[in-house]
């Protein structure tokens, strides 16, 4: 009876998985159709828990404003905290403000600064992450938690392994990111698990002007286009 029950349960999972493919396809199609029209944009990542009175919220807002003033739009995860700050800065500056929202049981809800025609909702993290990587001309990574680290290290891995075109990855906040980068250098690099040149993929800055300088210098040499 136990084997029969397990077999039935696995068959049900197989059927549900097969139908889920269509929902996944739908999210990809909707994402590609909407985001192919937004033009060159830079993604801003960071904690959903950052409050509007925090210095990193204001910093993210200022970064987004300067990004727009230099001809780029802004993409965020669409939620509160640093994401809201990024969309707010873009909105105030009159630029493209995109939100890729994910349905979660806590923390996540869309913010009011996203352009009404550029707000997308996702059930699947992996589909959402593809959209960030494909349509971002750079990643600006503010202080955040596991989700922020996930986006950061996936982008580094994809560029390192030449699965996508290179683009700037900019960490903002020396006091926050300095310890992580030191660990990368003294542990990963010293152990031979990464190469010296891999460190060149990451920039560490503290000001909006430094963010813009890195973006502008990079795109003097490379064309603005989707990354794959």
Protein backbone atom coordinates (compact mmCIF):
# COMPACT_ATOMS: atom_id res chain seq x y z
CA UNK A 1 0.00 0.00 0.00
CA UNK A 2 2.86 2.31 0.81
CA UNK A 3 4.46 1.81 -2.62
CA UNK A 4 1.10 2.33 -4.30
CA UNK A 5 0.56 5.57 -2.36
CA UNK A 6 4.02 6.86 -3.22
CA UNK A 7 3.50 6.01 -6.88
CA UNK A 8 0.21 7.92 -6.94
CA UNK A 9 1.77 10.94 -5.25
CA UNK A 10 4.71 11.02 -7.66
CA UNK A 11 2.36 10.73 -10.67
CA UNK A 12 0.38 13.70 -9.37
CA UNK A 13 3.57 15.72 -9.01
CA UNK A 14 4.61 14.80 -12.55
CA UNK A 15 1.25 15.98 -13.92
CA UNK A 16 1.36 19.24 -11.97
CA UNK A 17 4.94 19.87 -13.09
CA UNK A 18 3.98 19.40 -16.72
CA UNK A 19 1.21 22.01 -16.51
CA UNK A 20 3.48 24.41 -14.58
CA UNK A 21 5.64 24.67 -17.70
CA UNK A 22 2.93 26.80 -19.33
CA UNK A 23 2.84 29.24 -16.42
CA UNK A 24 6.63 29.51 -16.54
CA UNK A 25 6.48 30.12 -20.29
CA UNK A 26 3.85 32.79 -19.71
CA UNK A 27 6.09 34.65 -17.26
CA UNK A 28 9.00 34.53 -19.71
CA UNK A 29 6.88 35.76 -22.63
CA UNK A 30 5.33 38.59 -20.62
CA UNK A 31 8.72 39.62 -19.27
CA UNK A 32 10.43 39.59 -22.65
CA UNK A 33 7.62 41.54 -24.33
CA UNK A 34 7.52 44.30 -21.71
CA UNK A 35 11.19 44.63 -20.90
CA UNK A 36 12.38 44.62 -24.51
CA UNK A 37 10.82 48.09 -24.77
CA UNK A 38 12.35 49.80 -21.73
CA UNK A 39 15.73 50.80 -23.18
CA UNK A 40 19.06 50.78 -21.31
CA UNK A 41 18.51 50.35 -17.57
CA UNK A 42 20.55 49.71 -14.44
CA UNK A 43 19.29 47.41 -11.68
CA UNK A 44 19.45 48.50 -8.06
CA UNK A 45 19.39 45.76 -5.40
CA UNK A 46 19.20 45.95 -1.62
CA UNK A 47 17.25 45.09 1.47
CA UNK A 48 13.46 45.27 1.57
CA UNK A 49 13.80 46.04 5.29
CA UNK A 50 15.62 49.36 4.93
CA UNK A 51 13.46 52.19 6.30
CA UNK A 52 12.97 55.55 4.53
CA UNK A 53 14.87 57.38 7.25
CA UNK A 54 17.98 55.20 6.87
CA UNK A 55 21.07 56.65 5.21
CA UNK A 56 21.23 53.78 2.71
CA UNK A 57 17.64 54.52 1.57
CA UNK A 58 18.60 58.11 0.80
CA UNK A 59 21.83 56.97 -0.85
CA UNK A 60 19.95 54.53 -3.10
CA UNK A 61 17.50 57.29 -4.03
CA UNK A 62 20.36 59.62 -4.97
CA UNK A 63 22.09 56.90 -6.97
CA UNK A 64 18.90 56.23 -8.93
CA UNK A 65 18.39 59.92 -9.64
CA UNK A 66 21.89 60.28 -11.07
CA UNK A 67 21.51 57.09 -13.10
CA UNK A 68 18.43 58.59 -14.77
CA UNK A 69 20.13 61.96 -15.30
CA UNK A 70 22.88 60.13 -17.19
CA UNK A 71 20.50 58.47 -19.62
CA UNK A 72 19.64 55.13 -18.04
CA UNK A 73 16.41 53.80 -16.53
CA UNK A 74 16.19 51.96 -13.23
CA UNK A 75 15.04 48.41 -12.54
CA UNK A 76 14.39 47.14 -9.02
CA UNK A 77 12.71 44.16 -7.42
CA UNK A 78 9.61 46.33 -7.08
CA UNK A 79 9.27 46.06 -3.30
CA UNK A 80 9.86 48.30 -0.28
CA UNK A 81 13.14 49.41 1.28
CA UNK A 82 16.09 49.94 -1.07
CA UNK A 83 13.92 48.85 -4.00
CA UNK A 84 11.42 51.60 -3.24
CA UNK A 85 14.24 54.12 -2.90
CA UNK A 86 15.57 53.15 -6.34
CA UNK A 87 12.18 53.50 -8.00
CA UNK A 88 11.53 56.74 -6.14
CA UNK A 89 14.78 58.32 -7.31
CA UNK A 90 14.05 57.32 -10.90
CA UNK A 91 10.45 58.54 -10.68
CA UNK A 92 11.40 61.93 -9.21
CA UNK A 93 14.03 62.40 -11.93
CA UNK A 94 11.43 61.65 -14.61
CA UNK A 95 13.10 58.50 -15.87
CA UNK A 96 12.07 54.93 -16.59
CA UNK A 97 11.14 53.14 -13.35
CA UNK A 98 10.69 49.37 -13.62
CA UNK A 99 9.61 46.97 -10.87
CA UNK A 100 9.96 43.18 -11.06
CA UNK A 101 7.85 42.13 -8.11
CA UNK A 102 7.83 38.63 -6.61
CA UNK A 103 4.99 37.15 -4.60
CA UNK A 104 6.28 36.32 -1.12
CA UNK A 105 4.56 35.55 2.19
CA UNK A 106 6.33 38.47 3.92
CA UNK A 107 8.23 41.73 3.25
CA UNK A 108 7.41 42.01 -0.43
CA UNK A 109 4.76 44.33 -1.85
CA UNK A 110 5.03 46.66 -4.79
CA UNK A 111 5.93 50.29 -4.20
CA UNK A 112 4.11 53.34 -5.62
CA UNK A 113 7.02 54.71 -7.67
CA UNK A 114 6.99 52.14 -10.47
CA UNK A 115 5.74 53.22 -13.91
CA UNK A 116 2.24 51.79 -14.31
CA UNK A 117 3.13 50.04 -17.58
CA UNK A 118 6.44 48.68 -16.24
CA UNK A 119 5.32 46.72 -13.19
CA UNK A 120 5.61 42.95 -13.55
CA UNK A 121 4.65 40.23 -11.07
CA UNK A 122 6.44 36.88 -10.87
CA UNK A 123 5.80 33.62 -9.05
CA UNK A 124 9.19 32.15 -9.95
CA UNK A 125 12.47 33.58 -8.72
CA UNK A 126 14.44 32.04 -11.57
CA UNK A 127 12.30 33.73 -14.24
CA UNK A 128 12.62 37.07 -12.47
CA UNK A 129 16.39 36.67 -12.20
CA UNK A 130 16.66 36.03 -15.94
CA UNK A 131 14.89 39.35 -16.56
CA UNK A 132 17.33 41.24 -14.35
CA UNK A 133 20.34 39.71 -16.03
CA UNK A 134 19.09 40.02 -19.60
CA UNK A 135 17.92 43.64 -19.50
CA UNK A 136 20.28 45.34 -17.01
CA UNK A 137 23.27 47.33 -18.22
CA UNK A 138 24.71 47.19 -14.74
CA UNK A 139 24.03 46.00 -11.19
CA UNK A 140 24.20 48.51 -8.35
CA UNK A 141 24.17 46.48 -5.15
CA UNK A 142 23.24 48.29 -1.96
CA UNK A 143 23.38 46.65 1.50
CA UNK A 144 20.94 43.76 1.70
CA UNK A 145 20.35 40.21 2.82
CA UNK A 146 20.29 36.74 1.27
CA UNK A 147 18.27 37.82 -1.78
CA UNK A 148 20.72 40.61 -2.55
CA UNK A 149 23.67 38.23 -2.18
CA UNK A 150 21.92 35.73 -4.44
CA UNK A 151 21.57 38.26 -7.25
CA UNK A 152 25.12 39.49 -6.76
CA UNK A 153 26.87 36.11 -6.89
CA UNK A 154 24.73 34.79 -9.73
CA UNK A 155 25.69 37.77 -11.89
CA UNK A 156 29.37 37.33 -11.03
CA UNK A 157 29.18 33.61 -11.85
CA UNK A 158 27.45 34.16 -15.21
CA UNK A 159 30.00 36.77 -16.28
CA UNK A 160 32.94 34.76 -14.93
CA UNK A 161 31.85 31.68 -16.91
CA UNK A 162 31.11 33.73 -20.07
CA UNK A 163 27.46 32.72 -20.12
CA UNK A 164 26.48 36.38 -20.52
CA UNK A 165 28.16 39.56 -21.69
CA UNK A 166 30.09 41.49 -19.07
CA UNK A 167 28.50 44.48 -17.36
CA UNK A 168 29.47 46.59 -14.31
CA UNK A 169 28.76 45.14 -10.86
CA UNK A 170 29.01 47.94 -8.31
CA UNK A 171 28.83 47.44 -4.56
CA UNK A 172 27.81 50.62 -2.72
CA UNK A 173 28.94 50.97 0.90
CA UNK A 174 32.49 50.17 1.95
CA UNK A 175 31.49 49.76 5.59
CA UNK A 176 28.96 47.08 4.63
CA UNK A 177 30.71 45.23 1.80
CA UNK A 178 34.35 45.63 2.82
CA UNK A 179 34.36 42.57 5.08
CA UNK A 180 32.85 40.35 2.39
CA UNK A 181 35.38 41.43 -0.20
CA UNK A 182 38.21 40.90 2.28
CA UNK A 183 36.96 37.33 2.86
CA UNK A 184 36.77 36.77 -0.90
CA UNK A 185 40.40 37.89 -1.25
CA UNK A 186 41.87 36.15 1.79
CA UNK A 187 39.84 32.94 1.63
CA UNK A 188 38.55 32.24 -1.89
CA UNK A 189 41.50 33.74 -3.73
CA UNK A 190 44.18 32.44 -1.37
CA UNK A 191 42.67 28.95 -1.55
CA UNK A 192 42.81 29.05 -5.34
CA UNK A 193 39.04 28.84 -5.75
CA UNK A 194 38.87 31.99 -7.87
CA UNK A 195 41.34 33.84 -10.10
CA UNK A 196 42.89 37.24 -9.48
CA UNK A 197 41.14 38.64 -12.54
CA UNK A 198 37.73 37.64 -11.13
CA UNK A 199 38.12 40.43 -8.59
CA UNK A 200 38.07 42.91 -11.48
CA UNK A 201 34.39 42.09 -12.01
CA UNK A 202 33.47 43.87 -8.76
CA UNK A 203 33.72 47.58 -7.94
CA UNK A 204 33.41 48.96 -4.40
CA UNK A 205 32.27 52.59 -4.03
CA UNK A 206 30.56 54.95 -1.61
CA UNK A 207 29.03 57.75 -3.69
CA UNK A 208 26.61 58.21 -6.59
CA UNK A 209 29.32 60.00 -8.59
CA UNK A 210 31.53 56.91 -8.40
CA UNK A 211 28.66 54.72 -9.62
CA UNK A 212 28.09 56.96 -12.64
CA UNK A 213 31.80 57.15 -13.42
CA UNK A 214 32.06 53.35 -13.59
CA UNK A 215 28.95 53.02 -15.77
CA UNK A 216 29.98 55.79 -18.17
CA UNK A 217 33.56 54.56 -18.48
CA UNK A 218 32.39 51.02 -19.23
CA UNK A 219 29.93 52.07 -21.93
CA UNK A 220 32.42 54.29 -23.69
CA UNK A 221 33.96 50.98 -24.79
CA UNK A 222 30.94 48.64 -25.01
CA UNK A 223 27.57 48.90 -26.74
CA UNK A 224 24.33 49.16 -24.80
CA UNK A 225 22.29 46.04 -25.55
CA UNK A 226 20.63 43.06 -23.82
CA UNK A 227 23.21 40.76 -22.26
CA UNK A 228 22.28 37.57 -24.13
